[in-house]
Amino acid sequence: MIYSHGKVKTVISLKNIVNNYASIRVLSGKEVIPVVKGDAYGHGLIQVAEALGNAGAKTFAVGTVEEGMILRESNKDCGILSMLGPVERHEFPALWDFGITAFIHSFEQLEMLSTQARRRRRSLPVALKFDTGMRRLGFTLSDIPALTGILGQSDKLRVRMISSHLATADDPASQDFLKEQVNEFENIRKTMLNLGFDIEANISNSAATLAYPSIGYQKQRVGILLYGVNPLADTRSAHLCRDLEPAMSVKSVVISKHTLKAGQAISYGCTFTAEKDMNVAIVAAGYANGYSRTLSNSGEMCIHGKRARIVGRVCLQMAAIDVTDIPQARVGDEVFLLGGSGQGRIGIYELSKWWKSIPAEVMNAFSINKREFEYA
């Protein structure tokens, strides 16, 4: 039995994702590696990869090795990159068994992989992750001598890629730091090439693909852009993102409508009191559906193409909205938590601001609900 957490549905437009992918390919002029980590940012790993594979994508970047294993079960031919790489013991042999190229970011990983390689007949392509300024994971330029020493002891590990991650590509005011990262990565790349490694390189994320196309190298890893989210929104470079279509909408249903009289409070804690008689609708959506409690008394929903503000606290599976100025609202009506139509449409950036978060977190939160996929 699959528990879908109630009446909320997360609707995914695979058509829009494919259209976004096509636009990004034209924009970048390079091979695009779709990033489908985190269940494709909440949009559905298997479904998104299948749609993009049919549209020409050859390689996909997942997060964990487990995600790569799941993807391989449904797609026998695509290239798979695990950006986190193997962490637990069972994940190291899985790289061979499932044909996954892993980002290797530590000497501990590399030693474990070298041990596993001695038991294998087939060689394994690997990608080396370098830290150029993010300060999370990765080797440094000074680690290369030790790296080559370990790699030289194994003929089963073939370095085919080097990668790094940009920390401030979405902030036009931080260009100097970005340039430092790119220069460091270029020094790493040249050093590896001079040592005889036949490698491809990638460092660009979604924001860099838009704002810094000259640093794309052979391929570009694109995530949030695919799903219709502009990583440069609210910056002076926002205009660089064009022709993208939102891929996710989230909707529920009105389960009750009644009058809230002047002086009456509503929901837990009585945090909202009506100043005059008003009509409220109760929507079957709450934090059990990934709809944040921080939206209490501050967020809005879209019903009949118009905005309706949330009044009172968001509950586990319910929230109240003010429909005083939307007299046509009825029990059974469709209500959009994200998306919708008309002037009342709720955009992902607007919602994430009310949420005090970012679009990626919001979209992943909604993945808890039953998903519907639209192909056309």
Protein backbone atom coordinates (compact mmCIF):
# COMPACT_ATOMS: atom_id res chain seq x y z
CA MET A 1 0.00 0.00 0.00
CA ILE A 2 1.32 3.44 -0.93
CA TYR A 3 0.32 6.20 1.47
CA SER A 4 0.03 9.46 -0.45
CA HIS A 5 -0.46 11.72 2.58
CA GLY A 6 -3.99 12.80 1.72
CA LYS A 7 -5.51 15.01 -0.93
CA VAL A 8 -2.47 16.91 -2.16
CA LYS A 9 -1.11 16.07 -5.61
CA THR A 10 2.22 17.14 -7.04
CA VAL A 11 1.90 17.47 -10.81
CA ILE A 12 5.03 17.18 -12.95
CA SER A 13 5.14 18.40 -16.54
CA LEU A 14 7.70 16.18 -18.25
CA LYS A 15 7.04 18.12 -21.45
CA ASN A 16 8.28 21.31 -19.80
CA ILE A 17 11.40 19.57 -18.50
CA VAL A 18 12.19 18.30 -21.99
CA ASN A 19 11.58 21.76 -23.48
CA ASN A 20 13.85 23.30 -20.86
CA TYR A 21 16.55 20.75 -21.67
CA ALA A 22 16.33 21.61 -25.36
CA SER A 23 16.61 25.35 -24.62
CA ILE A 24 19.63 24.80 -22.36
CA ARG A 25 21.39 22.74 -25.01
CA VAL A 26 20.98 25.54 -27.53
CA LEU A 27 22.11 28.11 -24.98
CA SER A 28 25.22 26.24 -23.85
CA GLY A 29 26.32 24.77 -27.17
CA LYS A 30 27.84 21.88 -25.21
CA GLU A 31 26.75 18.49 -24.01
CA VAL A 32 24.46 18.89 -21.03
CA ILE A 33 24.56 16.41 -18.16
CA PRO A 34 21.13 16.53 -16.49
CA VAL A 35 21.41 16.49 -12.70
CA VAL A 36 18.69 14.23 -11.32
CA LYS A 37 19.92 13.91 -7.74
CA GLY A 38 17.45 14.11 -4.88
CA ASP A 39 14.81 12.25 -6.91
CA ALA A 40 15.30 14.81 -9.70
CA TYR A 41 14.78 17.67 -7.25
CA GLY A 42 11.51 16.05 -6.23
CA HIS A 43 10.26 15.61 -9.81
CA GLY A 44 10.76 11.82 -10.09
CA LEU A 45 14.13 10.27 -10.90
CA ILE A 46 12.94 7.48 -13.21
CA GLN A 47 10.33 9.48 -15.08
CA VAL A 48 12.56 12.52 -15.64
CA ALA A 49 15.53 10.43 -16.78
CA GLU A 50 13.36 8.47 -19.19
CA ALA A 51 11.90 11.64 -20.71
CA LEU A 52 15.30 13.30 -21.05
CA GLY A 53 16.87 10.12 -22.41
CA ASN A 54 14.26 10.07 -25.15
CA ALA A 55 15.18 13.71 -25.82
CA GLY A 56 18.84 12.86 -26.34
CA ALA A 57 20.48 13.00 -22.91
CA LYS A 58 23.25 10.42 -22.68
CA THR A 59 24.59 10.78 -19.13
CA PHE A 60 22.84 11.62 -15.85
CA ALA A 61 24.28 12.91 -12.59
CA VAL A 62 22.72 11.39 -9.48
CA GLY A 63 23.65 12.07 -5.87
CA THR A 64 24.17 8.79 -4.08
CA VAL A 65 25.30 5.46 -5.46
CA GLU A 66 21.91 4.07 -4.43
CA GLU A 67 20.21 6.56 -6.74
CA GLY A 68 22.50 5.35 -9.51
CA MET A 69 21.51 1.75 -8.81
CA ILE A 70 17.83 2.64 -9.03
CA LEU A 71 18.36 4.49 -12.29
CA ARG A 72 20.34 1.62 -13.79
CA GLU A 73 17.51 -0.83 -13.08
CA SER A 74 15.27 1.22 -15.37
CA ASN A 75 17.85 2.37 -17.93
CA LYS A 76 20.42 -0.14 -19.14
CA ASP A 77 22.31 2.12 -21.52
CA CYS A 78 22.76 5.60 -20.05
CA GLY A 79 25.91 6.91 -18.42
CA ILE A 80 25.54 7.46 -14.68
CA LEU A 81 27.63 9.75 -12.48
CA SER A 82 27.35 9.56 -8.71
CA MET A 83 28.30 12.98 -7.39
CA LEU A 84 28.57 11.86 -3.78
CA GLY A 85 30.39 8.67 -4.67
CA PRO A 86 30.62 5.49 -2.59
CA VAL A 87 30.27 5.99 1.16
CA GLU A 88 29.17 2.62 2.60
CA ARG A 89 31.02 -0.62 1.89
CA HIS A 90 28.35 -2.16 -0.32
CA GLU A 91 28.49 0.84 -2.65
CA PHE A 92 32.06 0.18 -3.83
CA PRO A 93 31.37 -3.13 -5.67
CA ALA A 94 28.10 -1.61 -6.93
CA LEU A 95 30.11 0.74 -9.14
CA TRP A 96 31.22 -2.24 -11.23
CA ASP A 97 28.00 -4.18 -10.93
CA PHE A 98 25.77 -1.29 -12.00
CA GLY A 99 28.12 0.58 -14.32
CA ILE A 100 28.34 3.77 -12.27
CA THR A 101 31.11 6.33 -12.56
CA ALA A 102 31.67 7.83 -9.12
CA PHE A 103 33.09 11.15 -8.03
CA ILE A 104 35.97 10.20 -5.73
CA HIS A 105 36.74 12.95 -3.25
CA SER A 106 38.91 11.41 -0.51
CA PHE A 107 41.95 9.17 -0.09
CA GLU A 108 39.85 6.81 2.04
CA GLN A 109 37.47 6.29 -0.87
CA LEU A 110 40.34 5.82 -3.28
CA GLU A 111 42.06 3.22 -1.09
CA MET A 112 38.80 1.28 -0.71
CA LEU A 113 38.25 1.44 -4.44
CA SER A 114 41.80 0.25 -5.13
CA THR A 115 41.26 -2.73 -2.84
CA GLN A 116 38.02 -3.60 -4.61
CA ALA A 117 39.70 -3.21 -8.02
CA ARG A 118 42.18 -6.01 -7.25
CA ARG A 119 39.25 -8.45 -7.17
CA ARG A 120 37.84 -7.32 -10.50
CA ARG A 121 38.61 -8.32 -14.03
CA ARG A 122 37.10 -5.22 -15.59
CA SER A 123 38.50 -1.73 -15.24
CA LEU A 124 36.37 1.07 -13.81
CA PRO A 125 36.16 4.67 -15.03
CA VAL A 126 36.28 7.15 -12.15
CA ALA A 127 35.92 10.90 -11.75
CA LEU A 128 38.08 12.87 -9.34
CA LYS A 129 36.37 15.62 -7.36
CA PHE A 130 38.57 18.62 -6.58
CA ASP A 131 37.91 21.30 -3.99
CA THR A 132 38.58 24.72 -5.48
CA GLY A 133 36.76 26.78 -2.87
CA MET A 134 33.48 25.16 -1.84
CA ARG A 135 35.28 23.55 1.13
CA ARG A 136 32.99 20.54 1.29
CA LEU A 137 34.48 17.61 -0.56
CA GLY A 138 37.43 17.04 -2.83
CA PHE A 139 41.16 16.79 -3.36
CA THR A 140 43.38 19.82 -3.84
CA LEU A 141 46.12 20.68 -6.30
CA SER A 142 48.74 19.68 -3.74
CA ASP A 143 47.16 16.20 -3.46
CA ILE A 144 47.90 15.29 -7.08
CA PRO A 145 51.30 13.64 -6.45
CA ALA A 146 49.81 11.33 -3.83
CA LEU A 147 46.80 10.67 -6.07
CA THR A 148 48.92 9.64 -9.00
CA GLY A 149 50.97 7.39 -6.75
CA ILE A 150 47.89 5.43 -5.69
CA LEU A 151 46.38 5.38 -9.17
CA GLY A 152 49.67 4.17 -10.62
CA GLN A 153 49.43 1.02 -8.53
CA SER A 154 46.16 -0.06 -10.13
CA ASP A 155 45.52 -0.76 -13.79
CA LYS A 156 41.81 -1.23 -13.08
CA LEU A 157 41.01 2.39 -12.19
CA ARG A 158 40.85 4.77 -15.15
CA VAL A 159 40.47 8.48 -14.43
CA ARG A 160 38.18 9.81 -17.14
CA MET A 161 36.90 13.02 -15.57
CA ILE A 162 37.80 15.75 -13.13
CA SER A 163 35.19 17.97 -11.57
CA SER A 164 34.66 20.75 -9.08
CA HIS A 165 31.74 22.84 -7.87
CA LEU A 166 31.30 26.61 -7.96
CA ALA A 167 30.20 28.26 -4.74
CA THR A 168 29.07 31.70 -5.95
CA ALA A 169 28.06 31.39 -9.60
CA ASP A 170 24.57 32.62 -8.71
CA ASP A 171 25.91 35.83 -7.14
CA PRO A 172 27.11 38.42 -9.69
CA ALA A 173 28.78 40.36 -6.87
CA SER A 174 31.15 37.45 -6.19
CA GLN A 175 32.85 37.19 -9.56
CA ASP A 176 36.33 37.50 -8.05
CA PHE A 177 35.85 34.37 -5.95
CA LEU A 178 34.43 32.51 -8.94
CA LYS A 179 37.46 33.48 -11.03
CA GLU A 180 39.77 32.18 -8.28
CA GLN A 181 37.95 28.84 -8.37
CA VAL A 182 38.11 28.61 -12.15
CA ASN A 183 41.83 29.48 -12.18
CA GLU A 184 42.53 26.85 -9.55
CA PHE A 185 40.58 24.25 -11.50
CA GLU A 186 42.42 25.13 -14.70
CA ASN A 187 45.75 24.62 -12.91
CA ILE A 188 44.53 21.22 -11.74
CA ARG A 189 43.36 20.29 -15.23
CA LYS A 190 46.66 21.27 -16.85
CA THR A 191 48.62 19.38 -14.21
CA MET A 192 46.59 16.22 -14.82
CA LEU A 193 46.98 16.55 -18.58
CA ASN A 194 50.73 17.04 -18.27
CA LEU A 195 50.90 13.83 -16.23
CA GLY A 196 49.35 11.95 -19.13
CA PHE A 197 45.76 11.60 -17.95
CA ASP A 198 43.17 11.53 -20.75
CA ILE A 199 40.42 13.47 -19.01
CA GLU A 200 37.39 15.62 -19.63
CA ALA A 201 36.53 18.41 -17.21
CA ASN A 202 33.38 20.01 -15.88
CA ILE A 203 32.78 22.71 -13.30
CA SER A 204 29.73 24.68 -14.48
CA ASN A 205 26.43 24.38 -12.64
CA SER A 206 23.10 25.90 -13.70
CA ALA A 207 24.01 29.46 -12.77
CA ALA A 208 27.40 29.30 -14.48
CA THR A 209 25.84 27.84 -17.61
CA LEU A 210 23.81 31.03 -17.86
CA ALA A 211 26.25 33.65 -16.63
CA TYR A 212 29.67 32.26 -17.56
CA PRO A 213 29.36 30.17 -20.74
CA SER A 214 33.09 30.55 -21.48
CA ILE A 215 34.04 28.26 -18.58
CA GLY A 216 31.88 25.35 -19.71
CA TYR A 217 34.73 23.00 -20.71
CA GLN A 218 33.47 19.93 -22.58
CA LYS A 219 30.27 19.37 -20.62
CA GLN A 220 28.01 21.22 -18.22
CA ARG A 221 26.12 19.82 -15.25
CA VAL A 222 22.68 21.40 -15.15
CA GLY A 223 20.18 20.83 -12.36
CA ILE A 224 17.74 23.47 -11.16
CA LEU A 225 17.42 25.05 -14.63
CA LEU A 226 15.92 21.86 -16.02
CA TYR A 227 12.97 22.23 -13.69
CA GLY A 228 12.16 25.78 -14.73
CA VAL A 229 13.88 27.62 -11.89
CA ASN A 230 16.09 30.64 -12.58
CA PRO A 231 19.16 30.45 -10.30
CA LEU A 232 19.88 34.12 -11.05
CA ALA A 233 16.47 35.41 -9.96
CA ASP A 234 16.60 38.64 -7.97
CA THR A 235 20.04 39.48 -9.34
CA ARG A 236 21.10 41.87 -12.07
CA SER A 237 21.72 38.81 -14.26
CA ALA A 238 18.17 37.47 -14.02
CA HIS A 239 17.51 38.38 -17.66
CA LEU A 240 19.99 35.72 -18.81
CA CYS A 241 17.42 33.03 -18.05
CA ARG A 242 14.83 32.88 -20.81
CA ASP A 243 12.25 30.49 -22.21
CA LEU A 244 12.12 28.20 -19.19
CA GLU A 245 8.84 26.66 -18.10
CA PRO A 246 7.99 25.61 -14.52
CA ALA A 247 7.76 21.85 -14.29
CA MET A 248 6.00 21.42 -10.93
CA SER A 249 2.61 22.47 -9.64
CA VAL A 250 0.95 21.36 -6.41
CA LYS A 251 -2.76 21.28 -5.78
CA SER A 252 -5.32 20.24 -3.21
CA VAL A 253 -9.05 20.68 -2.63
CA VAL A 254 -11.44 22.75 -0.50
CA ILE A 255 -13.07 20.50 2.10
CA SER A 256 -15.13 23.13 3.95
CA LYS A 257 -16.27 26.73 3.65
CA HIS A 258 -17.82 28.83 6.40
CA THR A 259 -18.13 32.30 7.87
CA LEU A 260 -15.62 33.55 10.43
CA LYS A 261 -17.33 36.29 12.39
CA ALA A 262 -15.66 39.46 13.56
CA GLY A 263 -13.74 38.75 16.77
CA GLN A 264 -13.48 35.02 16.16
CA ALA A 265 -10.06 33.33 15.95
CA ILE A 266 -9.12 30.36 13.83
CA SER A 267 -6.76 27.38 14.10
CA TYR A 268 -4.21 26.41 16.76
CA GLY A 269 -2.99 29.13 19.08
CA CYS A 270 -5.66 31.57 17.89
CA THR A 271 -2.98 33.49 16.01
CA PHE A 272 -5.46 35.09 13.62
CA THR A 273 -8.59 36.96 14.67
CA ALA A 274 -11.11 38.27 12.15
CA GLU A 275 -11.48 42.06 12.22
CA LYS A 276 -14.78 41.78 10.34
CA ASP A 277 -17.04 39.01 9.09
CA MET A 278 -15.21 36.99 6.44
CA ASN A 279 -15.50 33.72 4.55
CA VAL A 280 -12.80 31.09 4.97
CA ALA A 281 -12.18 27.88 3.08
CA ILE A 282 -10.41 24.92 4.65
CA VAL A 283 -7.90 23.32 2.28
CA ALA A 284 -6.71 19.72 2.71
CA ALA A 285 -3.01 20.59 2.84
CA GLY A 286 -0.53 20.94 5.68
CA TYR A 287 2.94 20.08 6.83
CA ALA A 288 2.28 16.35 6.41
CA ASN A 289 2.18 17.24 2.71
CA GLY A 290 5.45 19.16 2.85
CA TYR A 291 3.62 22.51 3.11
CA SER A 292 5.64 24.42 5.67
CA ARG A 293 4.17 25.69 8.94
CA THR A 294 6.18 28.89 8.37
CA LEU A 295 3.47 29.84 5.84
CA SER A 296 1.02 30.42 8.69
CA ASN A 297 -0.55 33.88 8.37
CA SER A 298 1.87 34.79 5.59
CA GLY A 299 1.52 32.52 2.56
CA GLU A 300 -1.10 32.53 -0.18
CA MET A 301 -2.85 29.97 -2.38
CA CYS A 302 -4.45 30.25 -5.81
CA ILE A 303 -8.14 29.45 -6.27
CA HIS A 304 -10.18 30.35 -9.35
CA GLY A 305 -7.12 32.19 -10.68
CA LYS A 306 -7.05 34.55 -7.67
CA ARG A 307 -4.93 34.85 -4.55
CA ALA A 308 -6.25 33.80 -1.17
CA ARG A 309 -4.14 34.48 1.92
CA ILE A 310 -3.57 31.90 4.62
CA VAL A 311 -5.21 32.79 7.93
CA GLY A 312 -4.18 31.09 11.12
CA ARG A 313 -1.64 28.34 11.56
CA VAL A 314 -0.97 25.69 8.95
CA CYS A 315 -1.87 22.35 10.52
CA LEU A 316 -0.79 18.77 9.84
CA GLN A 317 -3.22 18.27 6.94
CA MET A 318 -5.26 21.46 6.81
CA ALA A 319 -4.89 25.17 6.23
CA ALA A 320 -7.44 28.00 6.13
CA ILE A 321 -7.58 30.66 3.40
CA ASP A 322 -9.54 33.89 3.15
CA VAL A 323 -12.04 33.62 0.27
CA THR A 324 -14.15 36.65 1.17
CA ASP A 325 -13.39 38.25 -2.19
CA ILE A 326 -13.78 34.97 -4.08
CA PRO A 327 -17.51 34.27 -3.60
CA GLN A 328 -17.51 31.49 -6.21
CA ALA A 329 -15.28 29.33 -4.01
CA ARG A 330 -17.01 26.06 -3.12
CA VAL A 331 -16.31 22.77 -1.39
CA GLY A 332 -14.56 20.50 -3.88
CA ASP A 333 -12.80 23.33 -5.70
CA GLU A 334 -9.21 22.90 -6.81
CA VAL A 335 -6.66 24.99 -4.92
CA PHE A 336 -3.04 25.48 -5.96
CA LEU A 337 -0.28 25.65 -3.38
CA LEU A 338 2.19 26.10 -6.24
CA GLY A 339 1.27 27.07 -9.77
CA GLY A 340 -2.28 27.70 -10.91
CA SER A 341 -3.58 30.10 -13.54
CA GLY A 342 -4.35 33.74 -14.04
CA GLN A 343 -2.97 36.60 -11.99
CA GLY A 344 -3.20 34.48 -8.87
CA ARG A 345 -0.62 31.94 -10.02
CA ILE A 346 1.93 31.06 -7.31
CA GLY A 347 5.54 31.09 -8.55
CA ILE A 348 8.26 28.96 -7.01
CA TYR A 349 10.45 31.92 -5.99
CA GLU A 350 7.54 33.75 -4.41
CA LEU A 351 6.54 30.65 -2.47
CA SER A 352 10.09 29.97 -1.33
CA LYS A 353 10.38 33.53 0.02
CA TRP A 354 7.24 33.12 2.11
CA TRP A 355 8.68 29.77 3.16
CA LYS A 356 11.98 31.49 4.13
CA SER A 357 13.79 28.93 2.02
CA ILE A 358 14.95 28.28 -1.56
CA PRO A 359 13.16 26.67 -4.53
CA ALA A 360 15.14 23.42 -4.35
CA GLU A 361 14.04 22.74 -0.77
CA VAL A 362 10.43 23.63 -1.54
CA MET A 363 10.27 21.31 -4.55
CA ASN A 364 11.83 18.43 -2.66
CA ALA A 365 9.41 18.94 0.23
CA PHE A 366 6.45 18.47 -2.12
CA SER A 367 7.81 15.16 -3.41
CA ILE A 368 6.23 13.47 -0.39
CA ASN A 369 2.85 13.68 -2.13
CA LYS A 370 1.34 11.48 -4.80
CA ARG A 371 2.76 12.58 -8.15
CA GLU A 372 0.98 12.86 -11.47
CA PHE A 373 3.05 13.07 -14.64
CA GLU A 374 1.97 15.03 -17.68
CA TYR A 375 3.65 14.02 -20.93
CA ALA A 376 2.04 16.52 -23.29
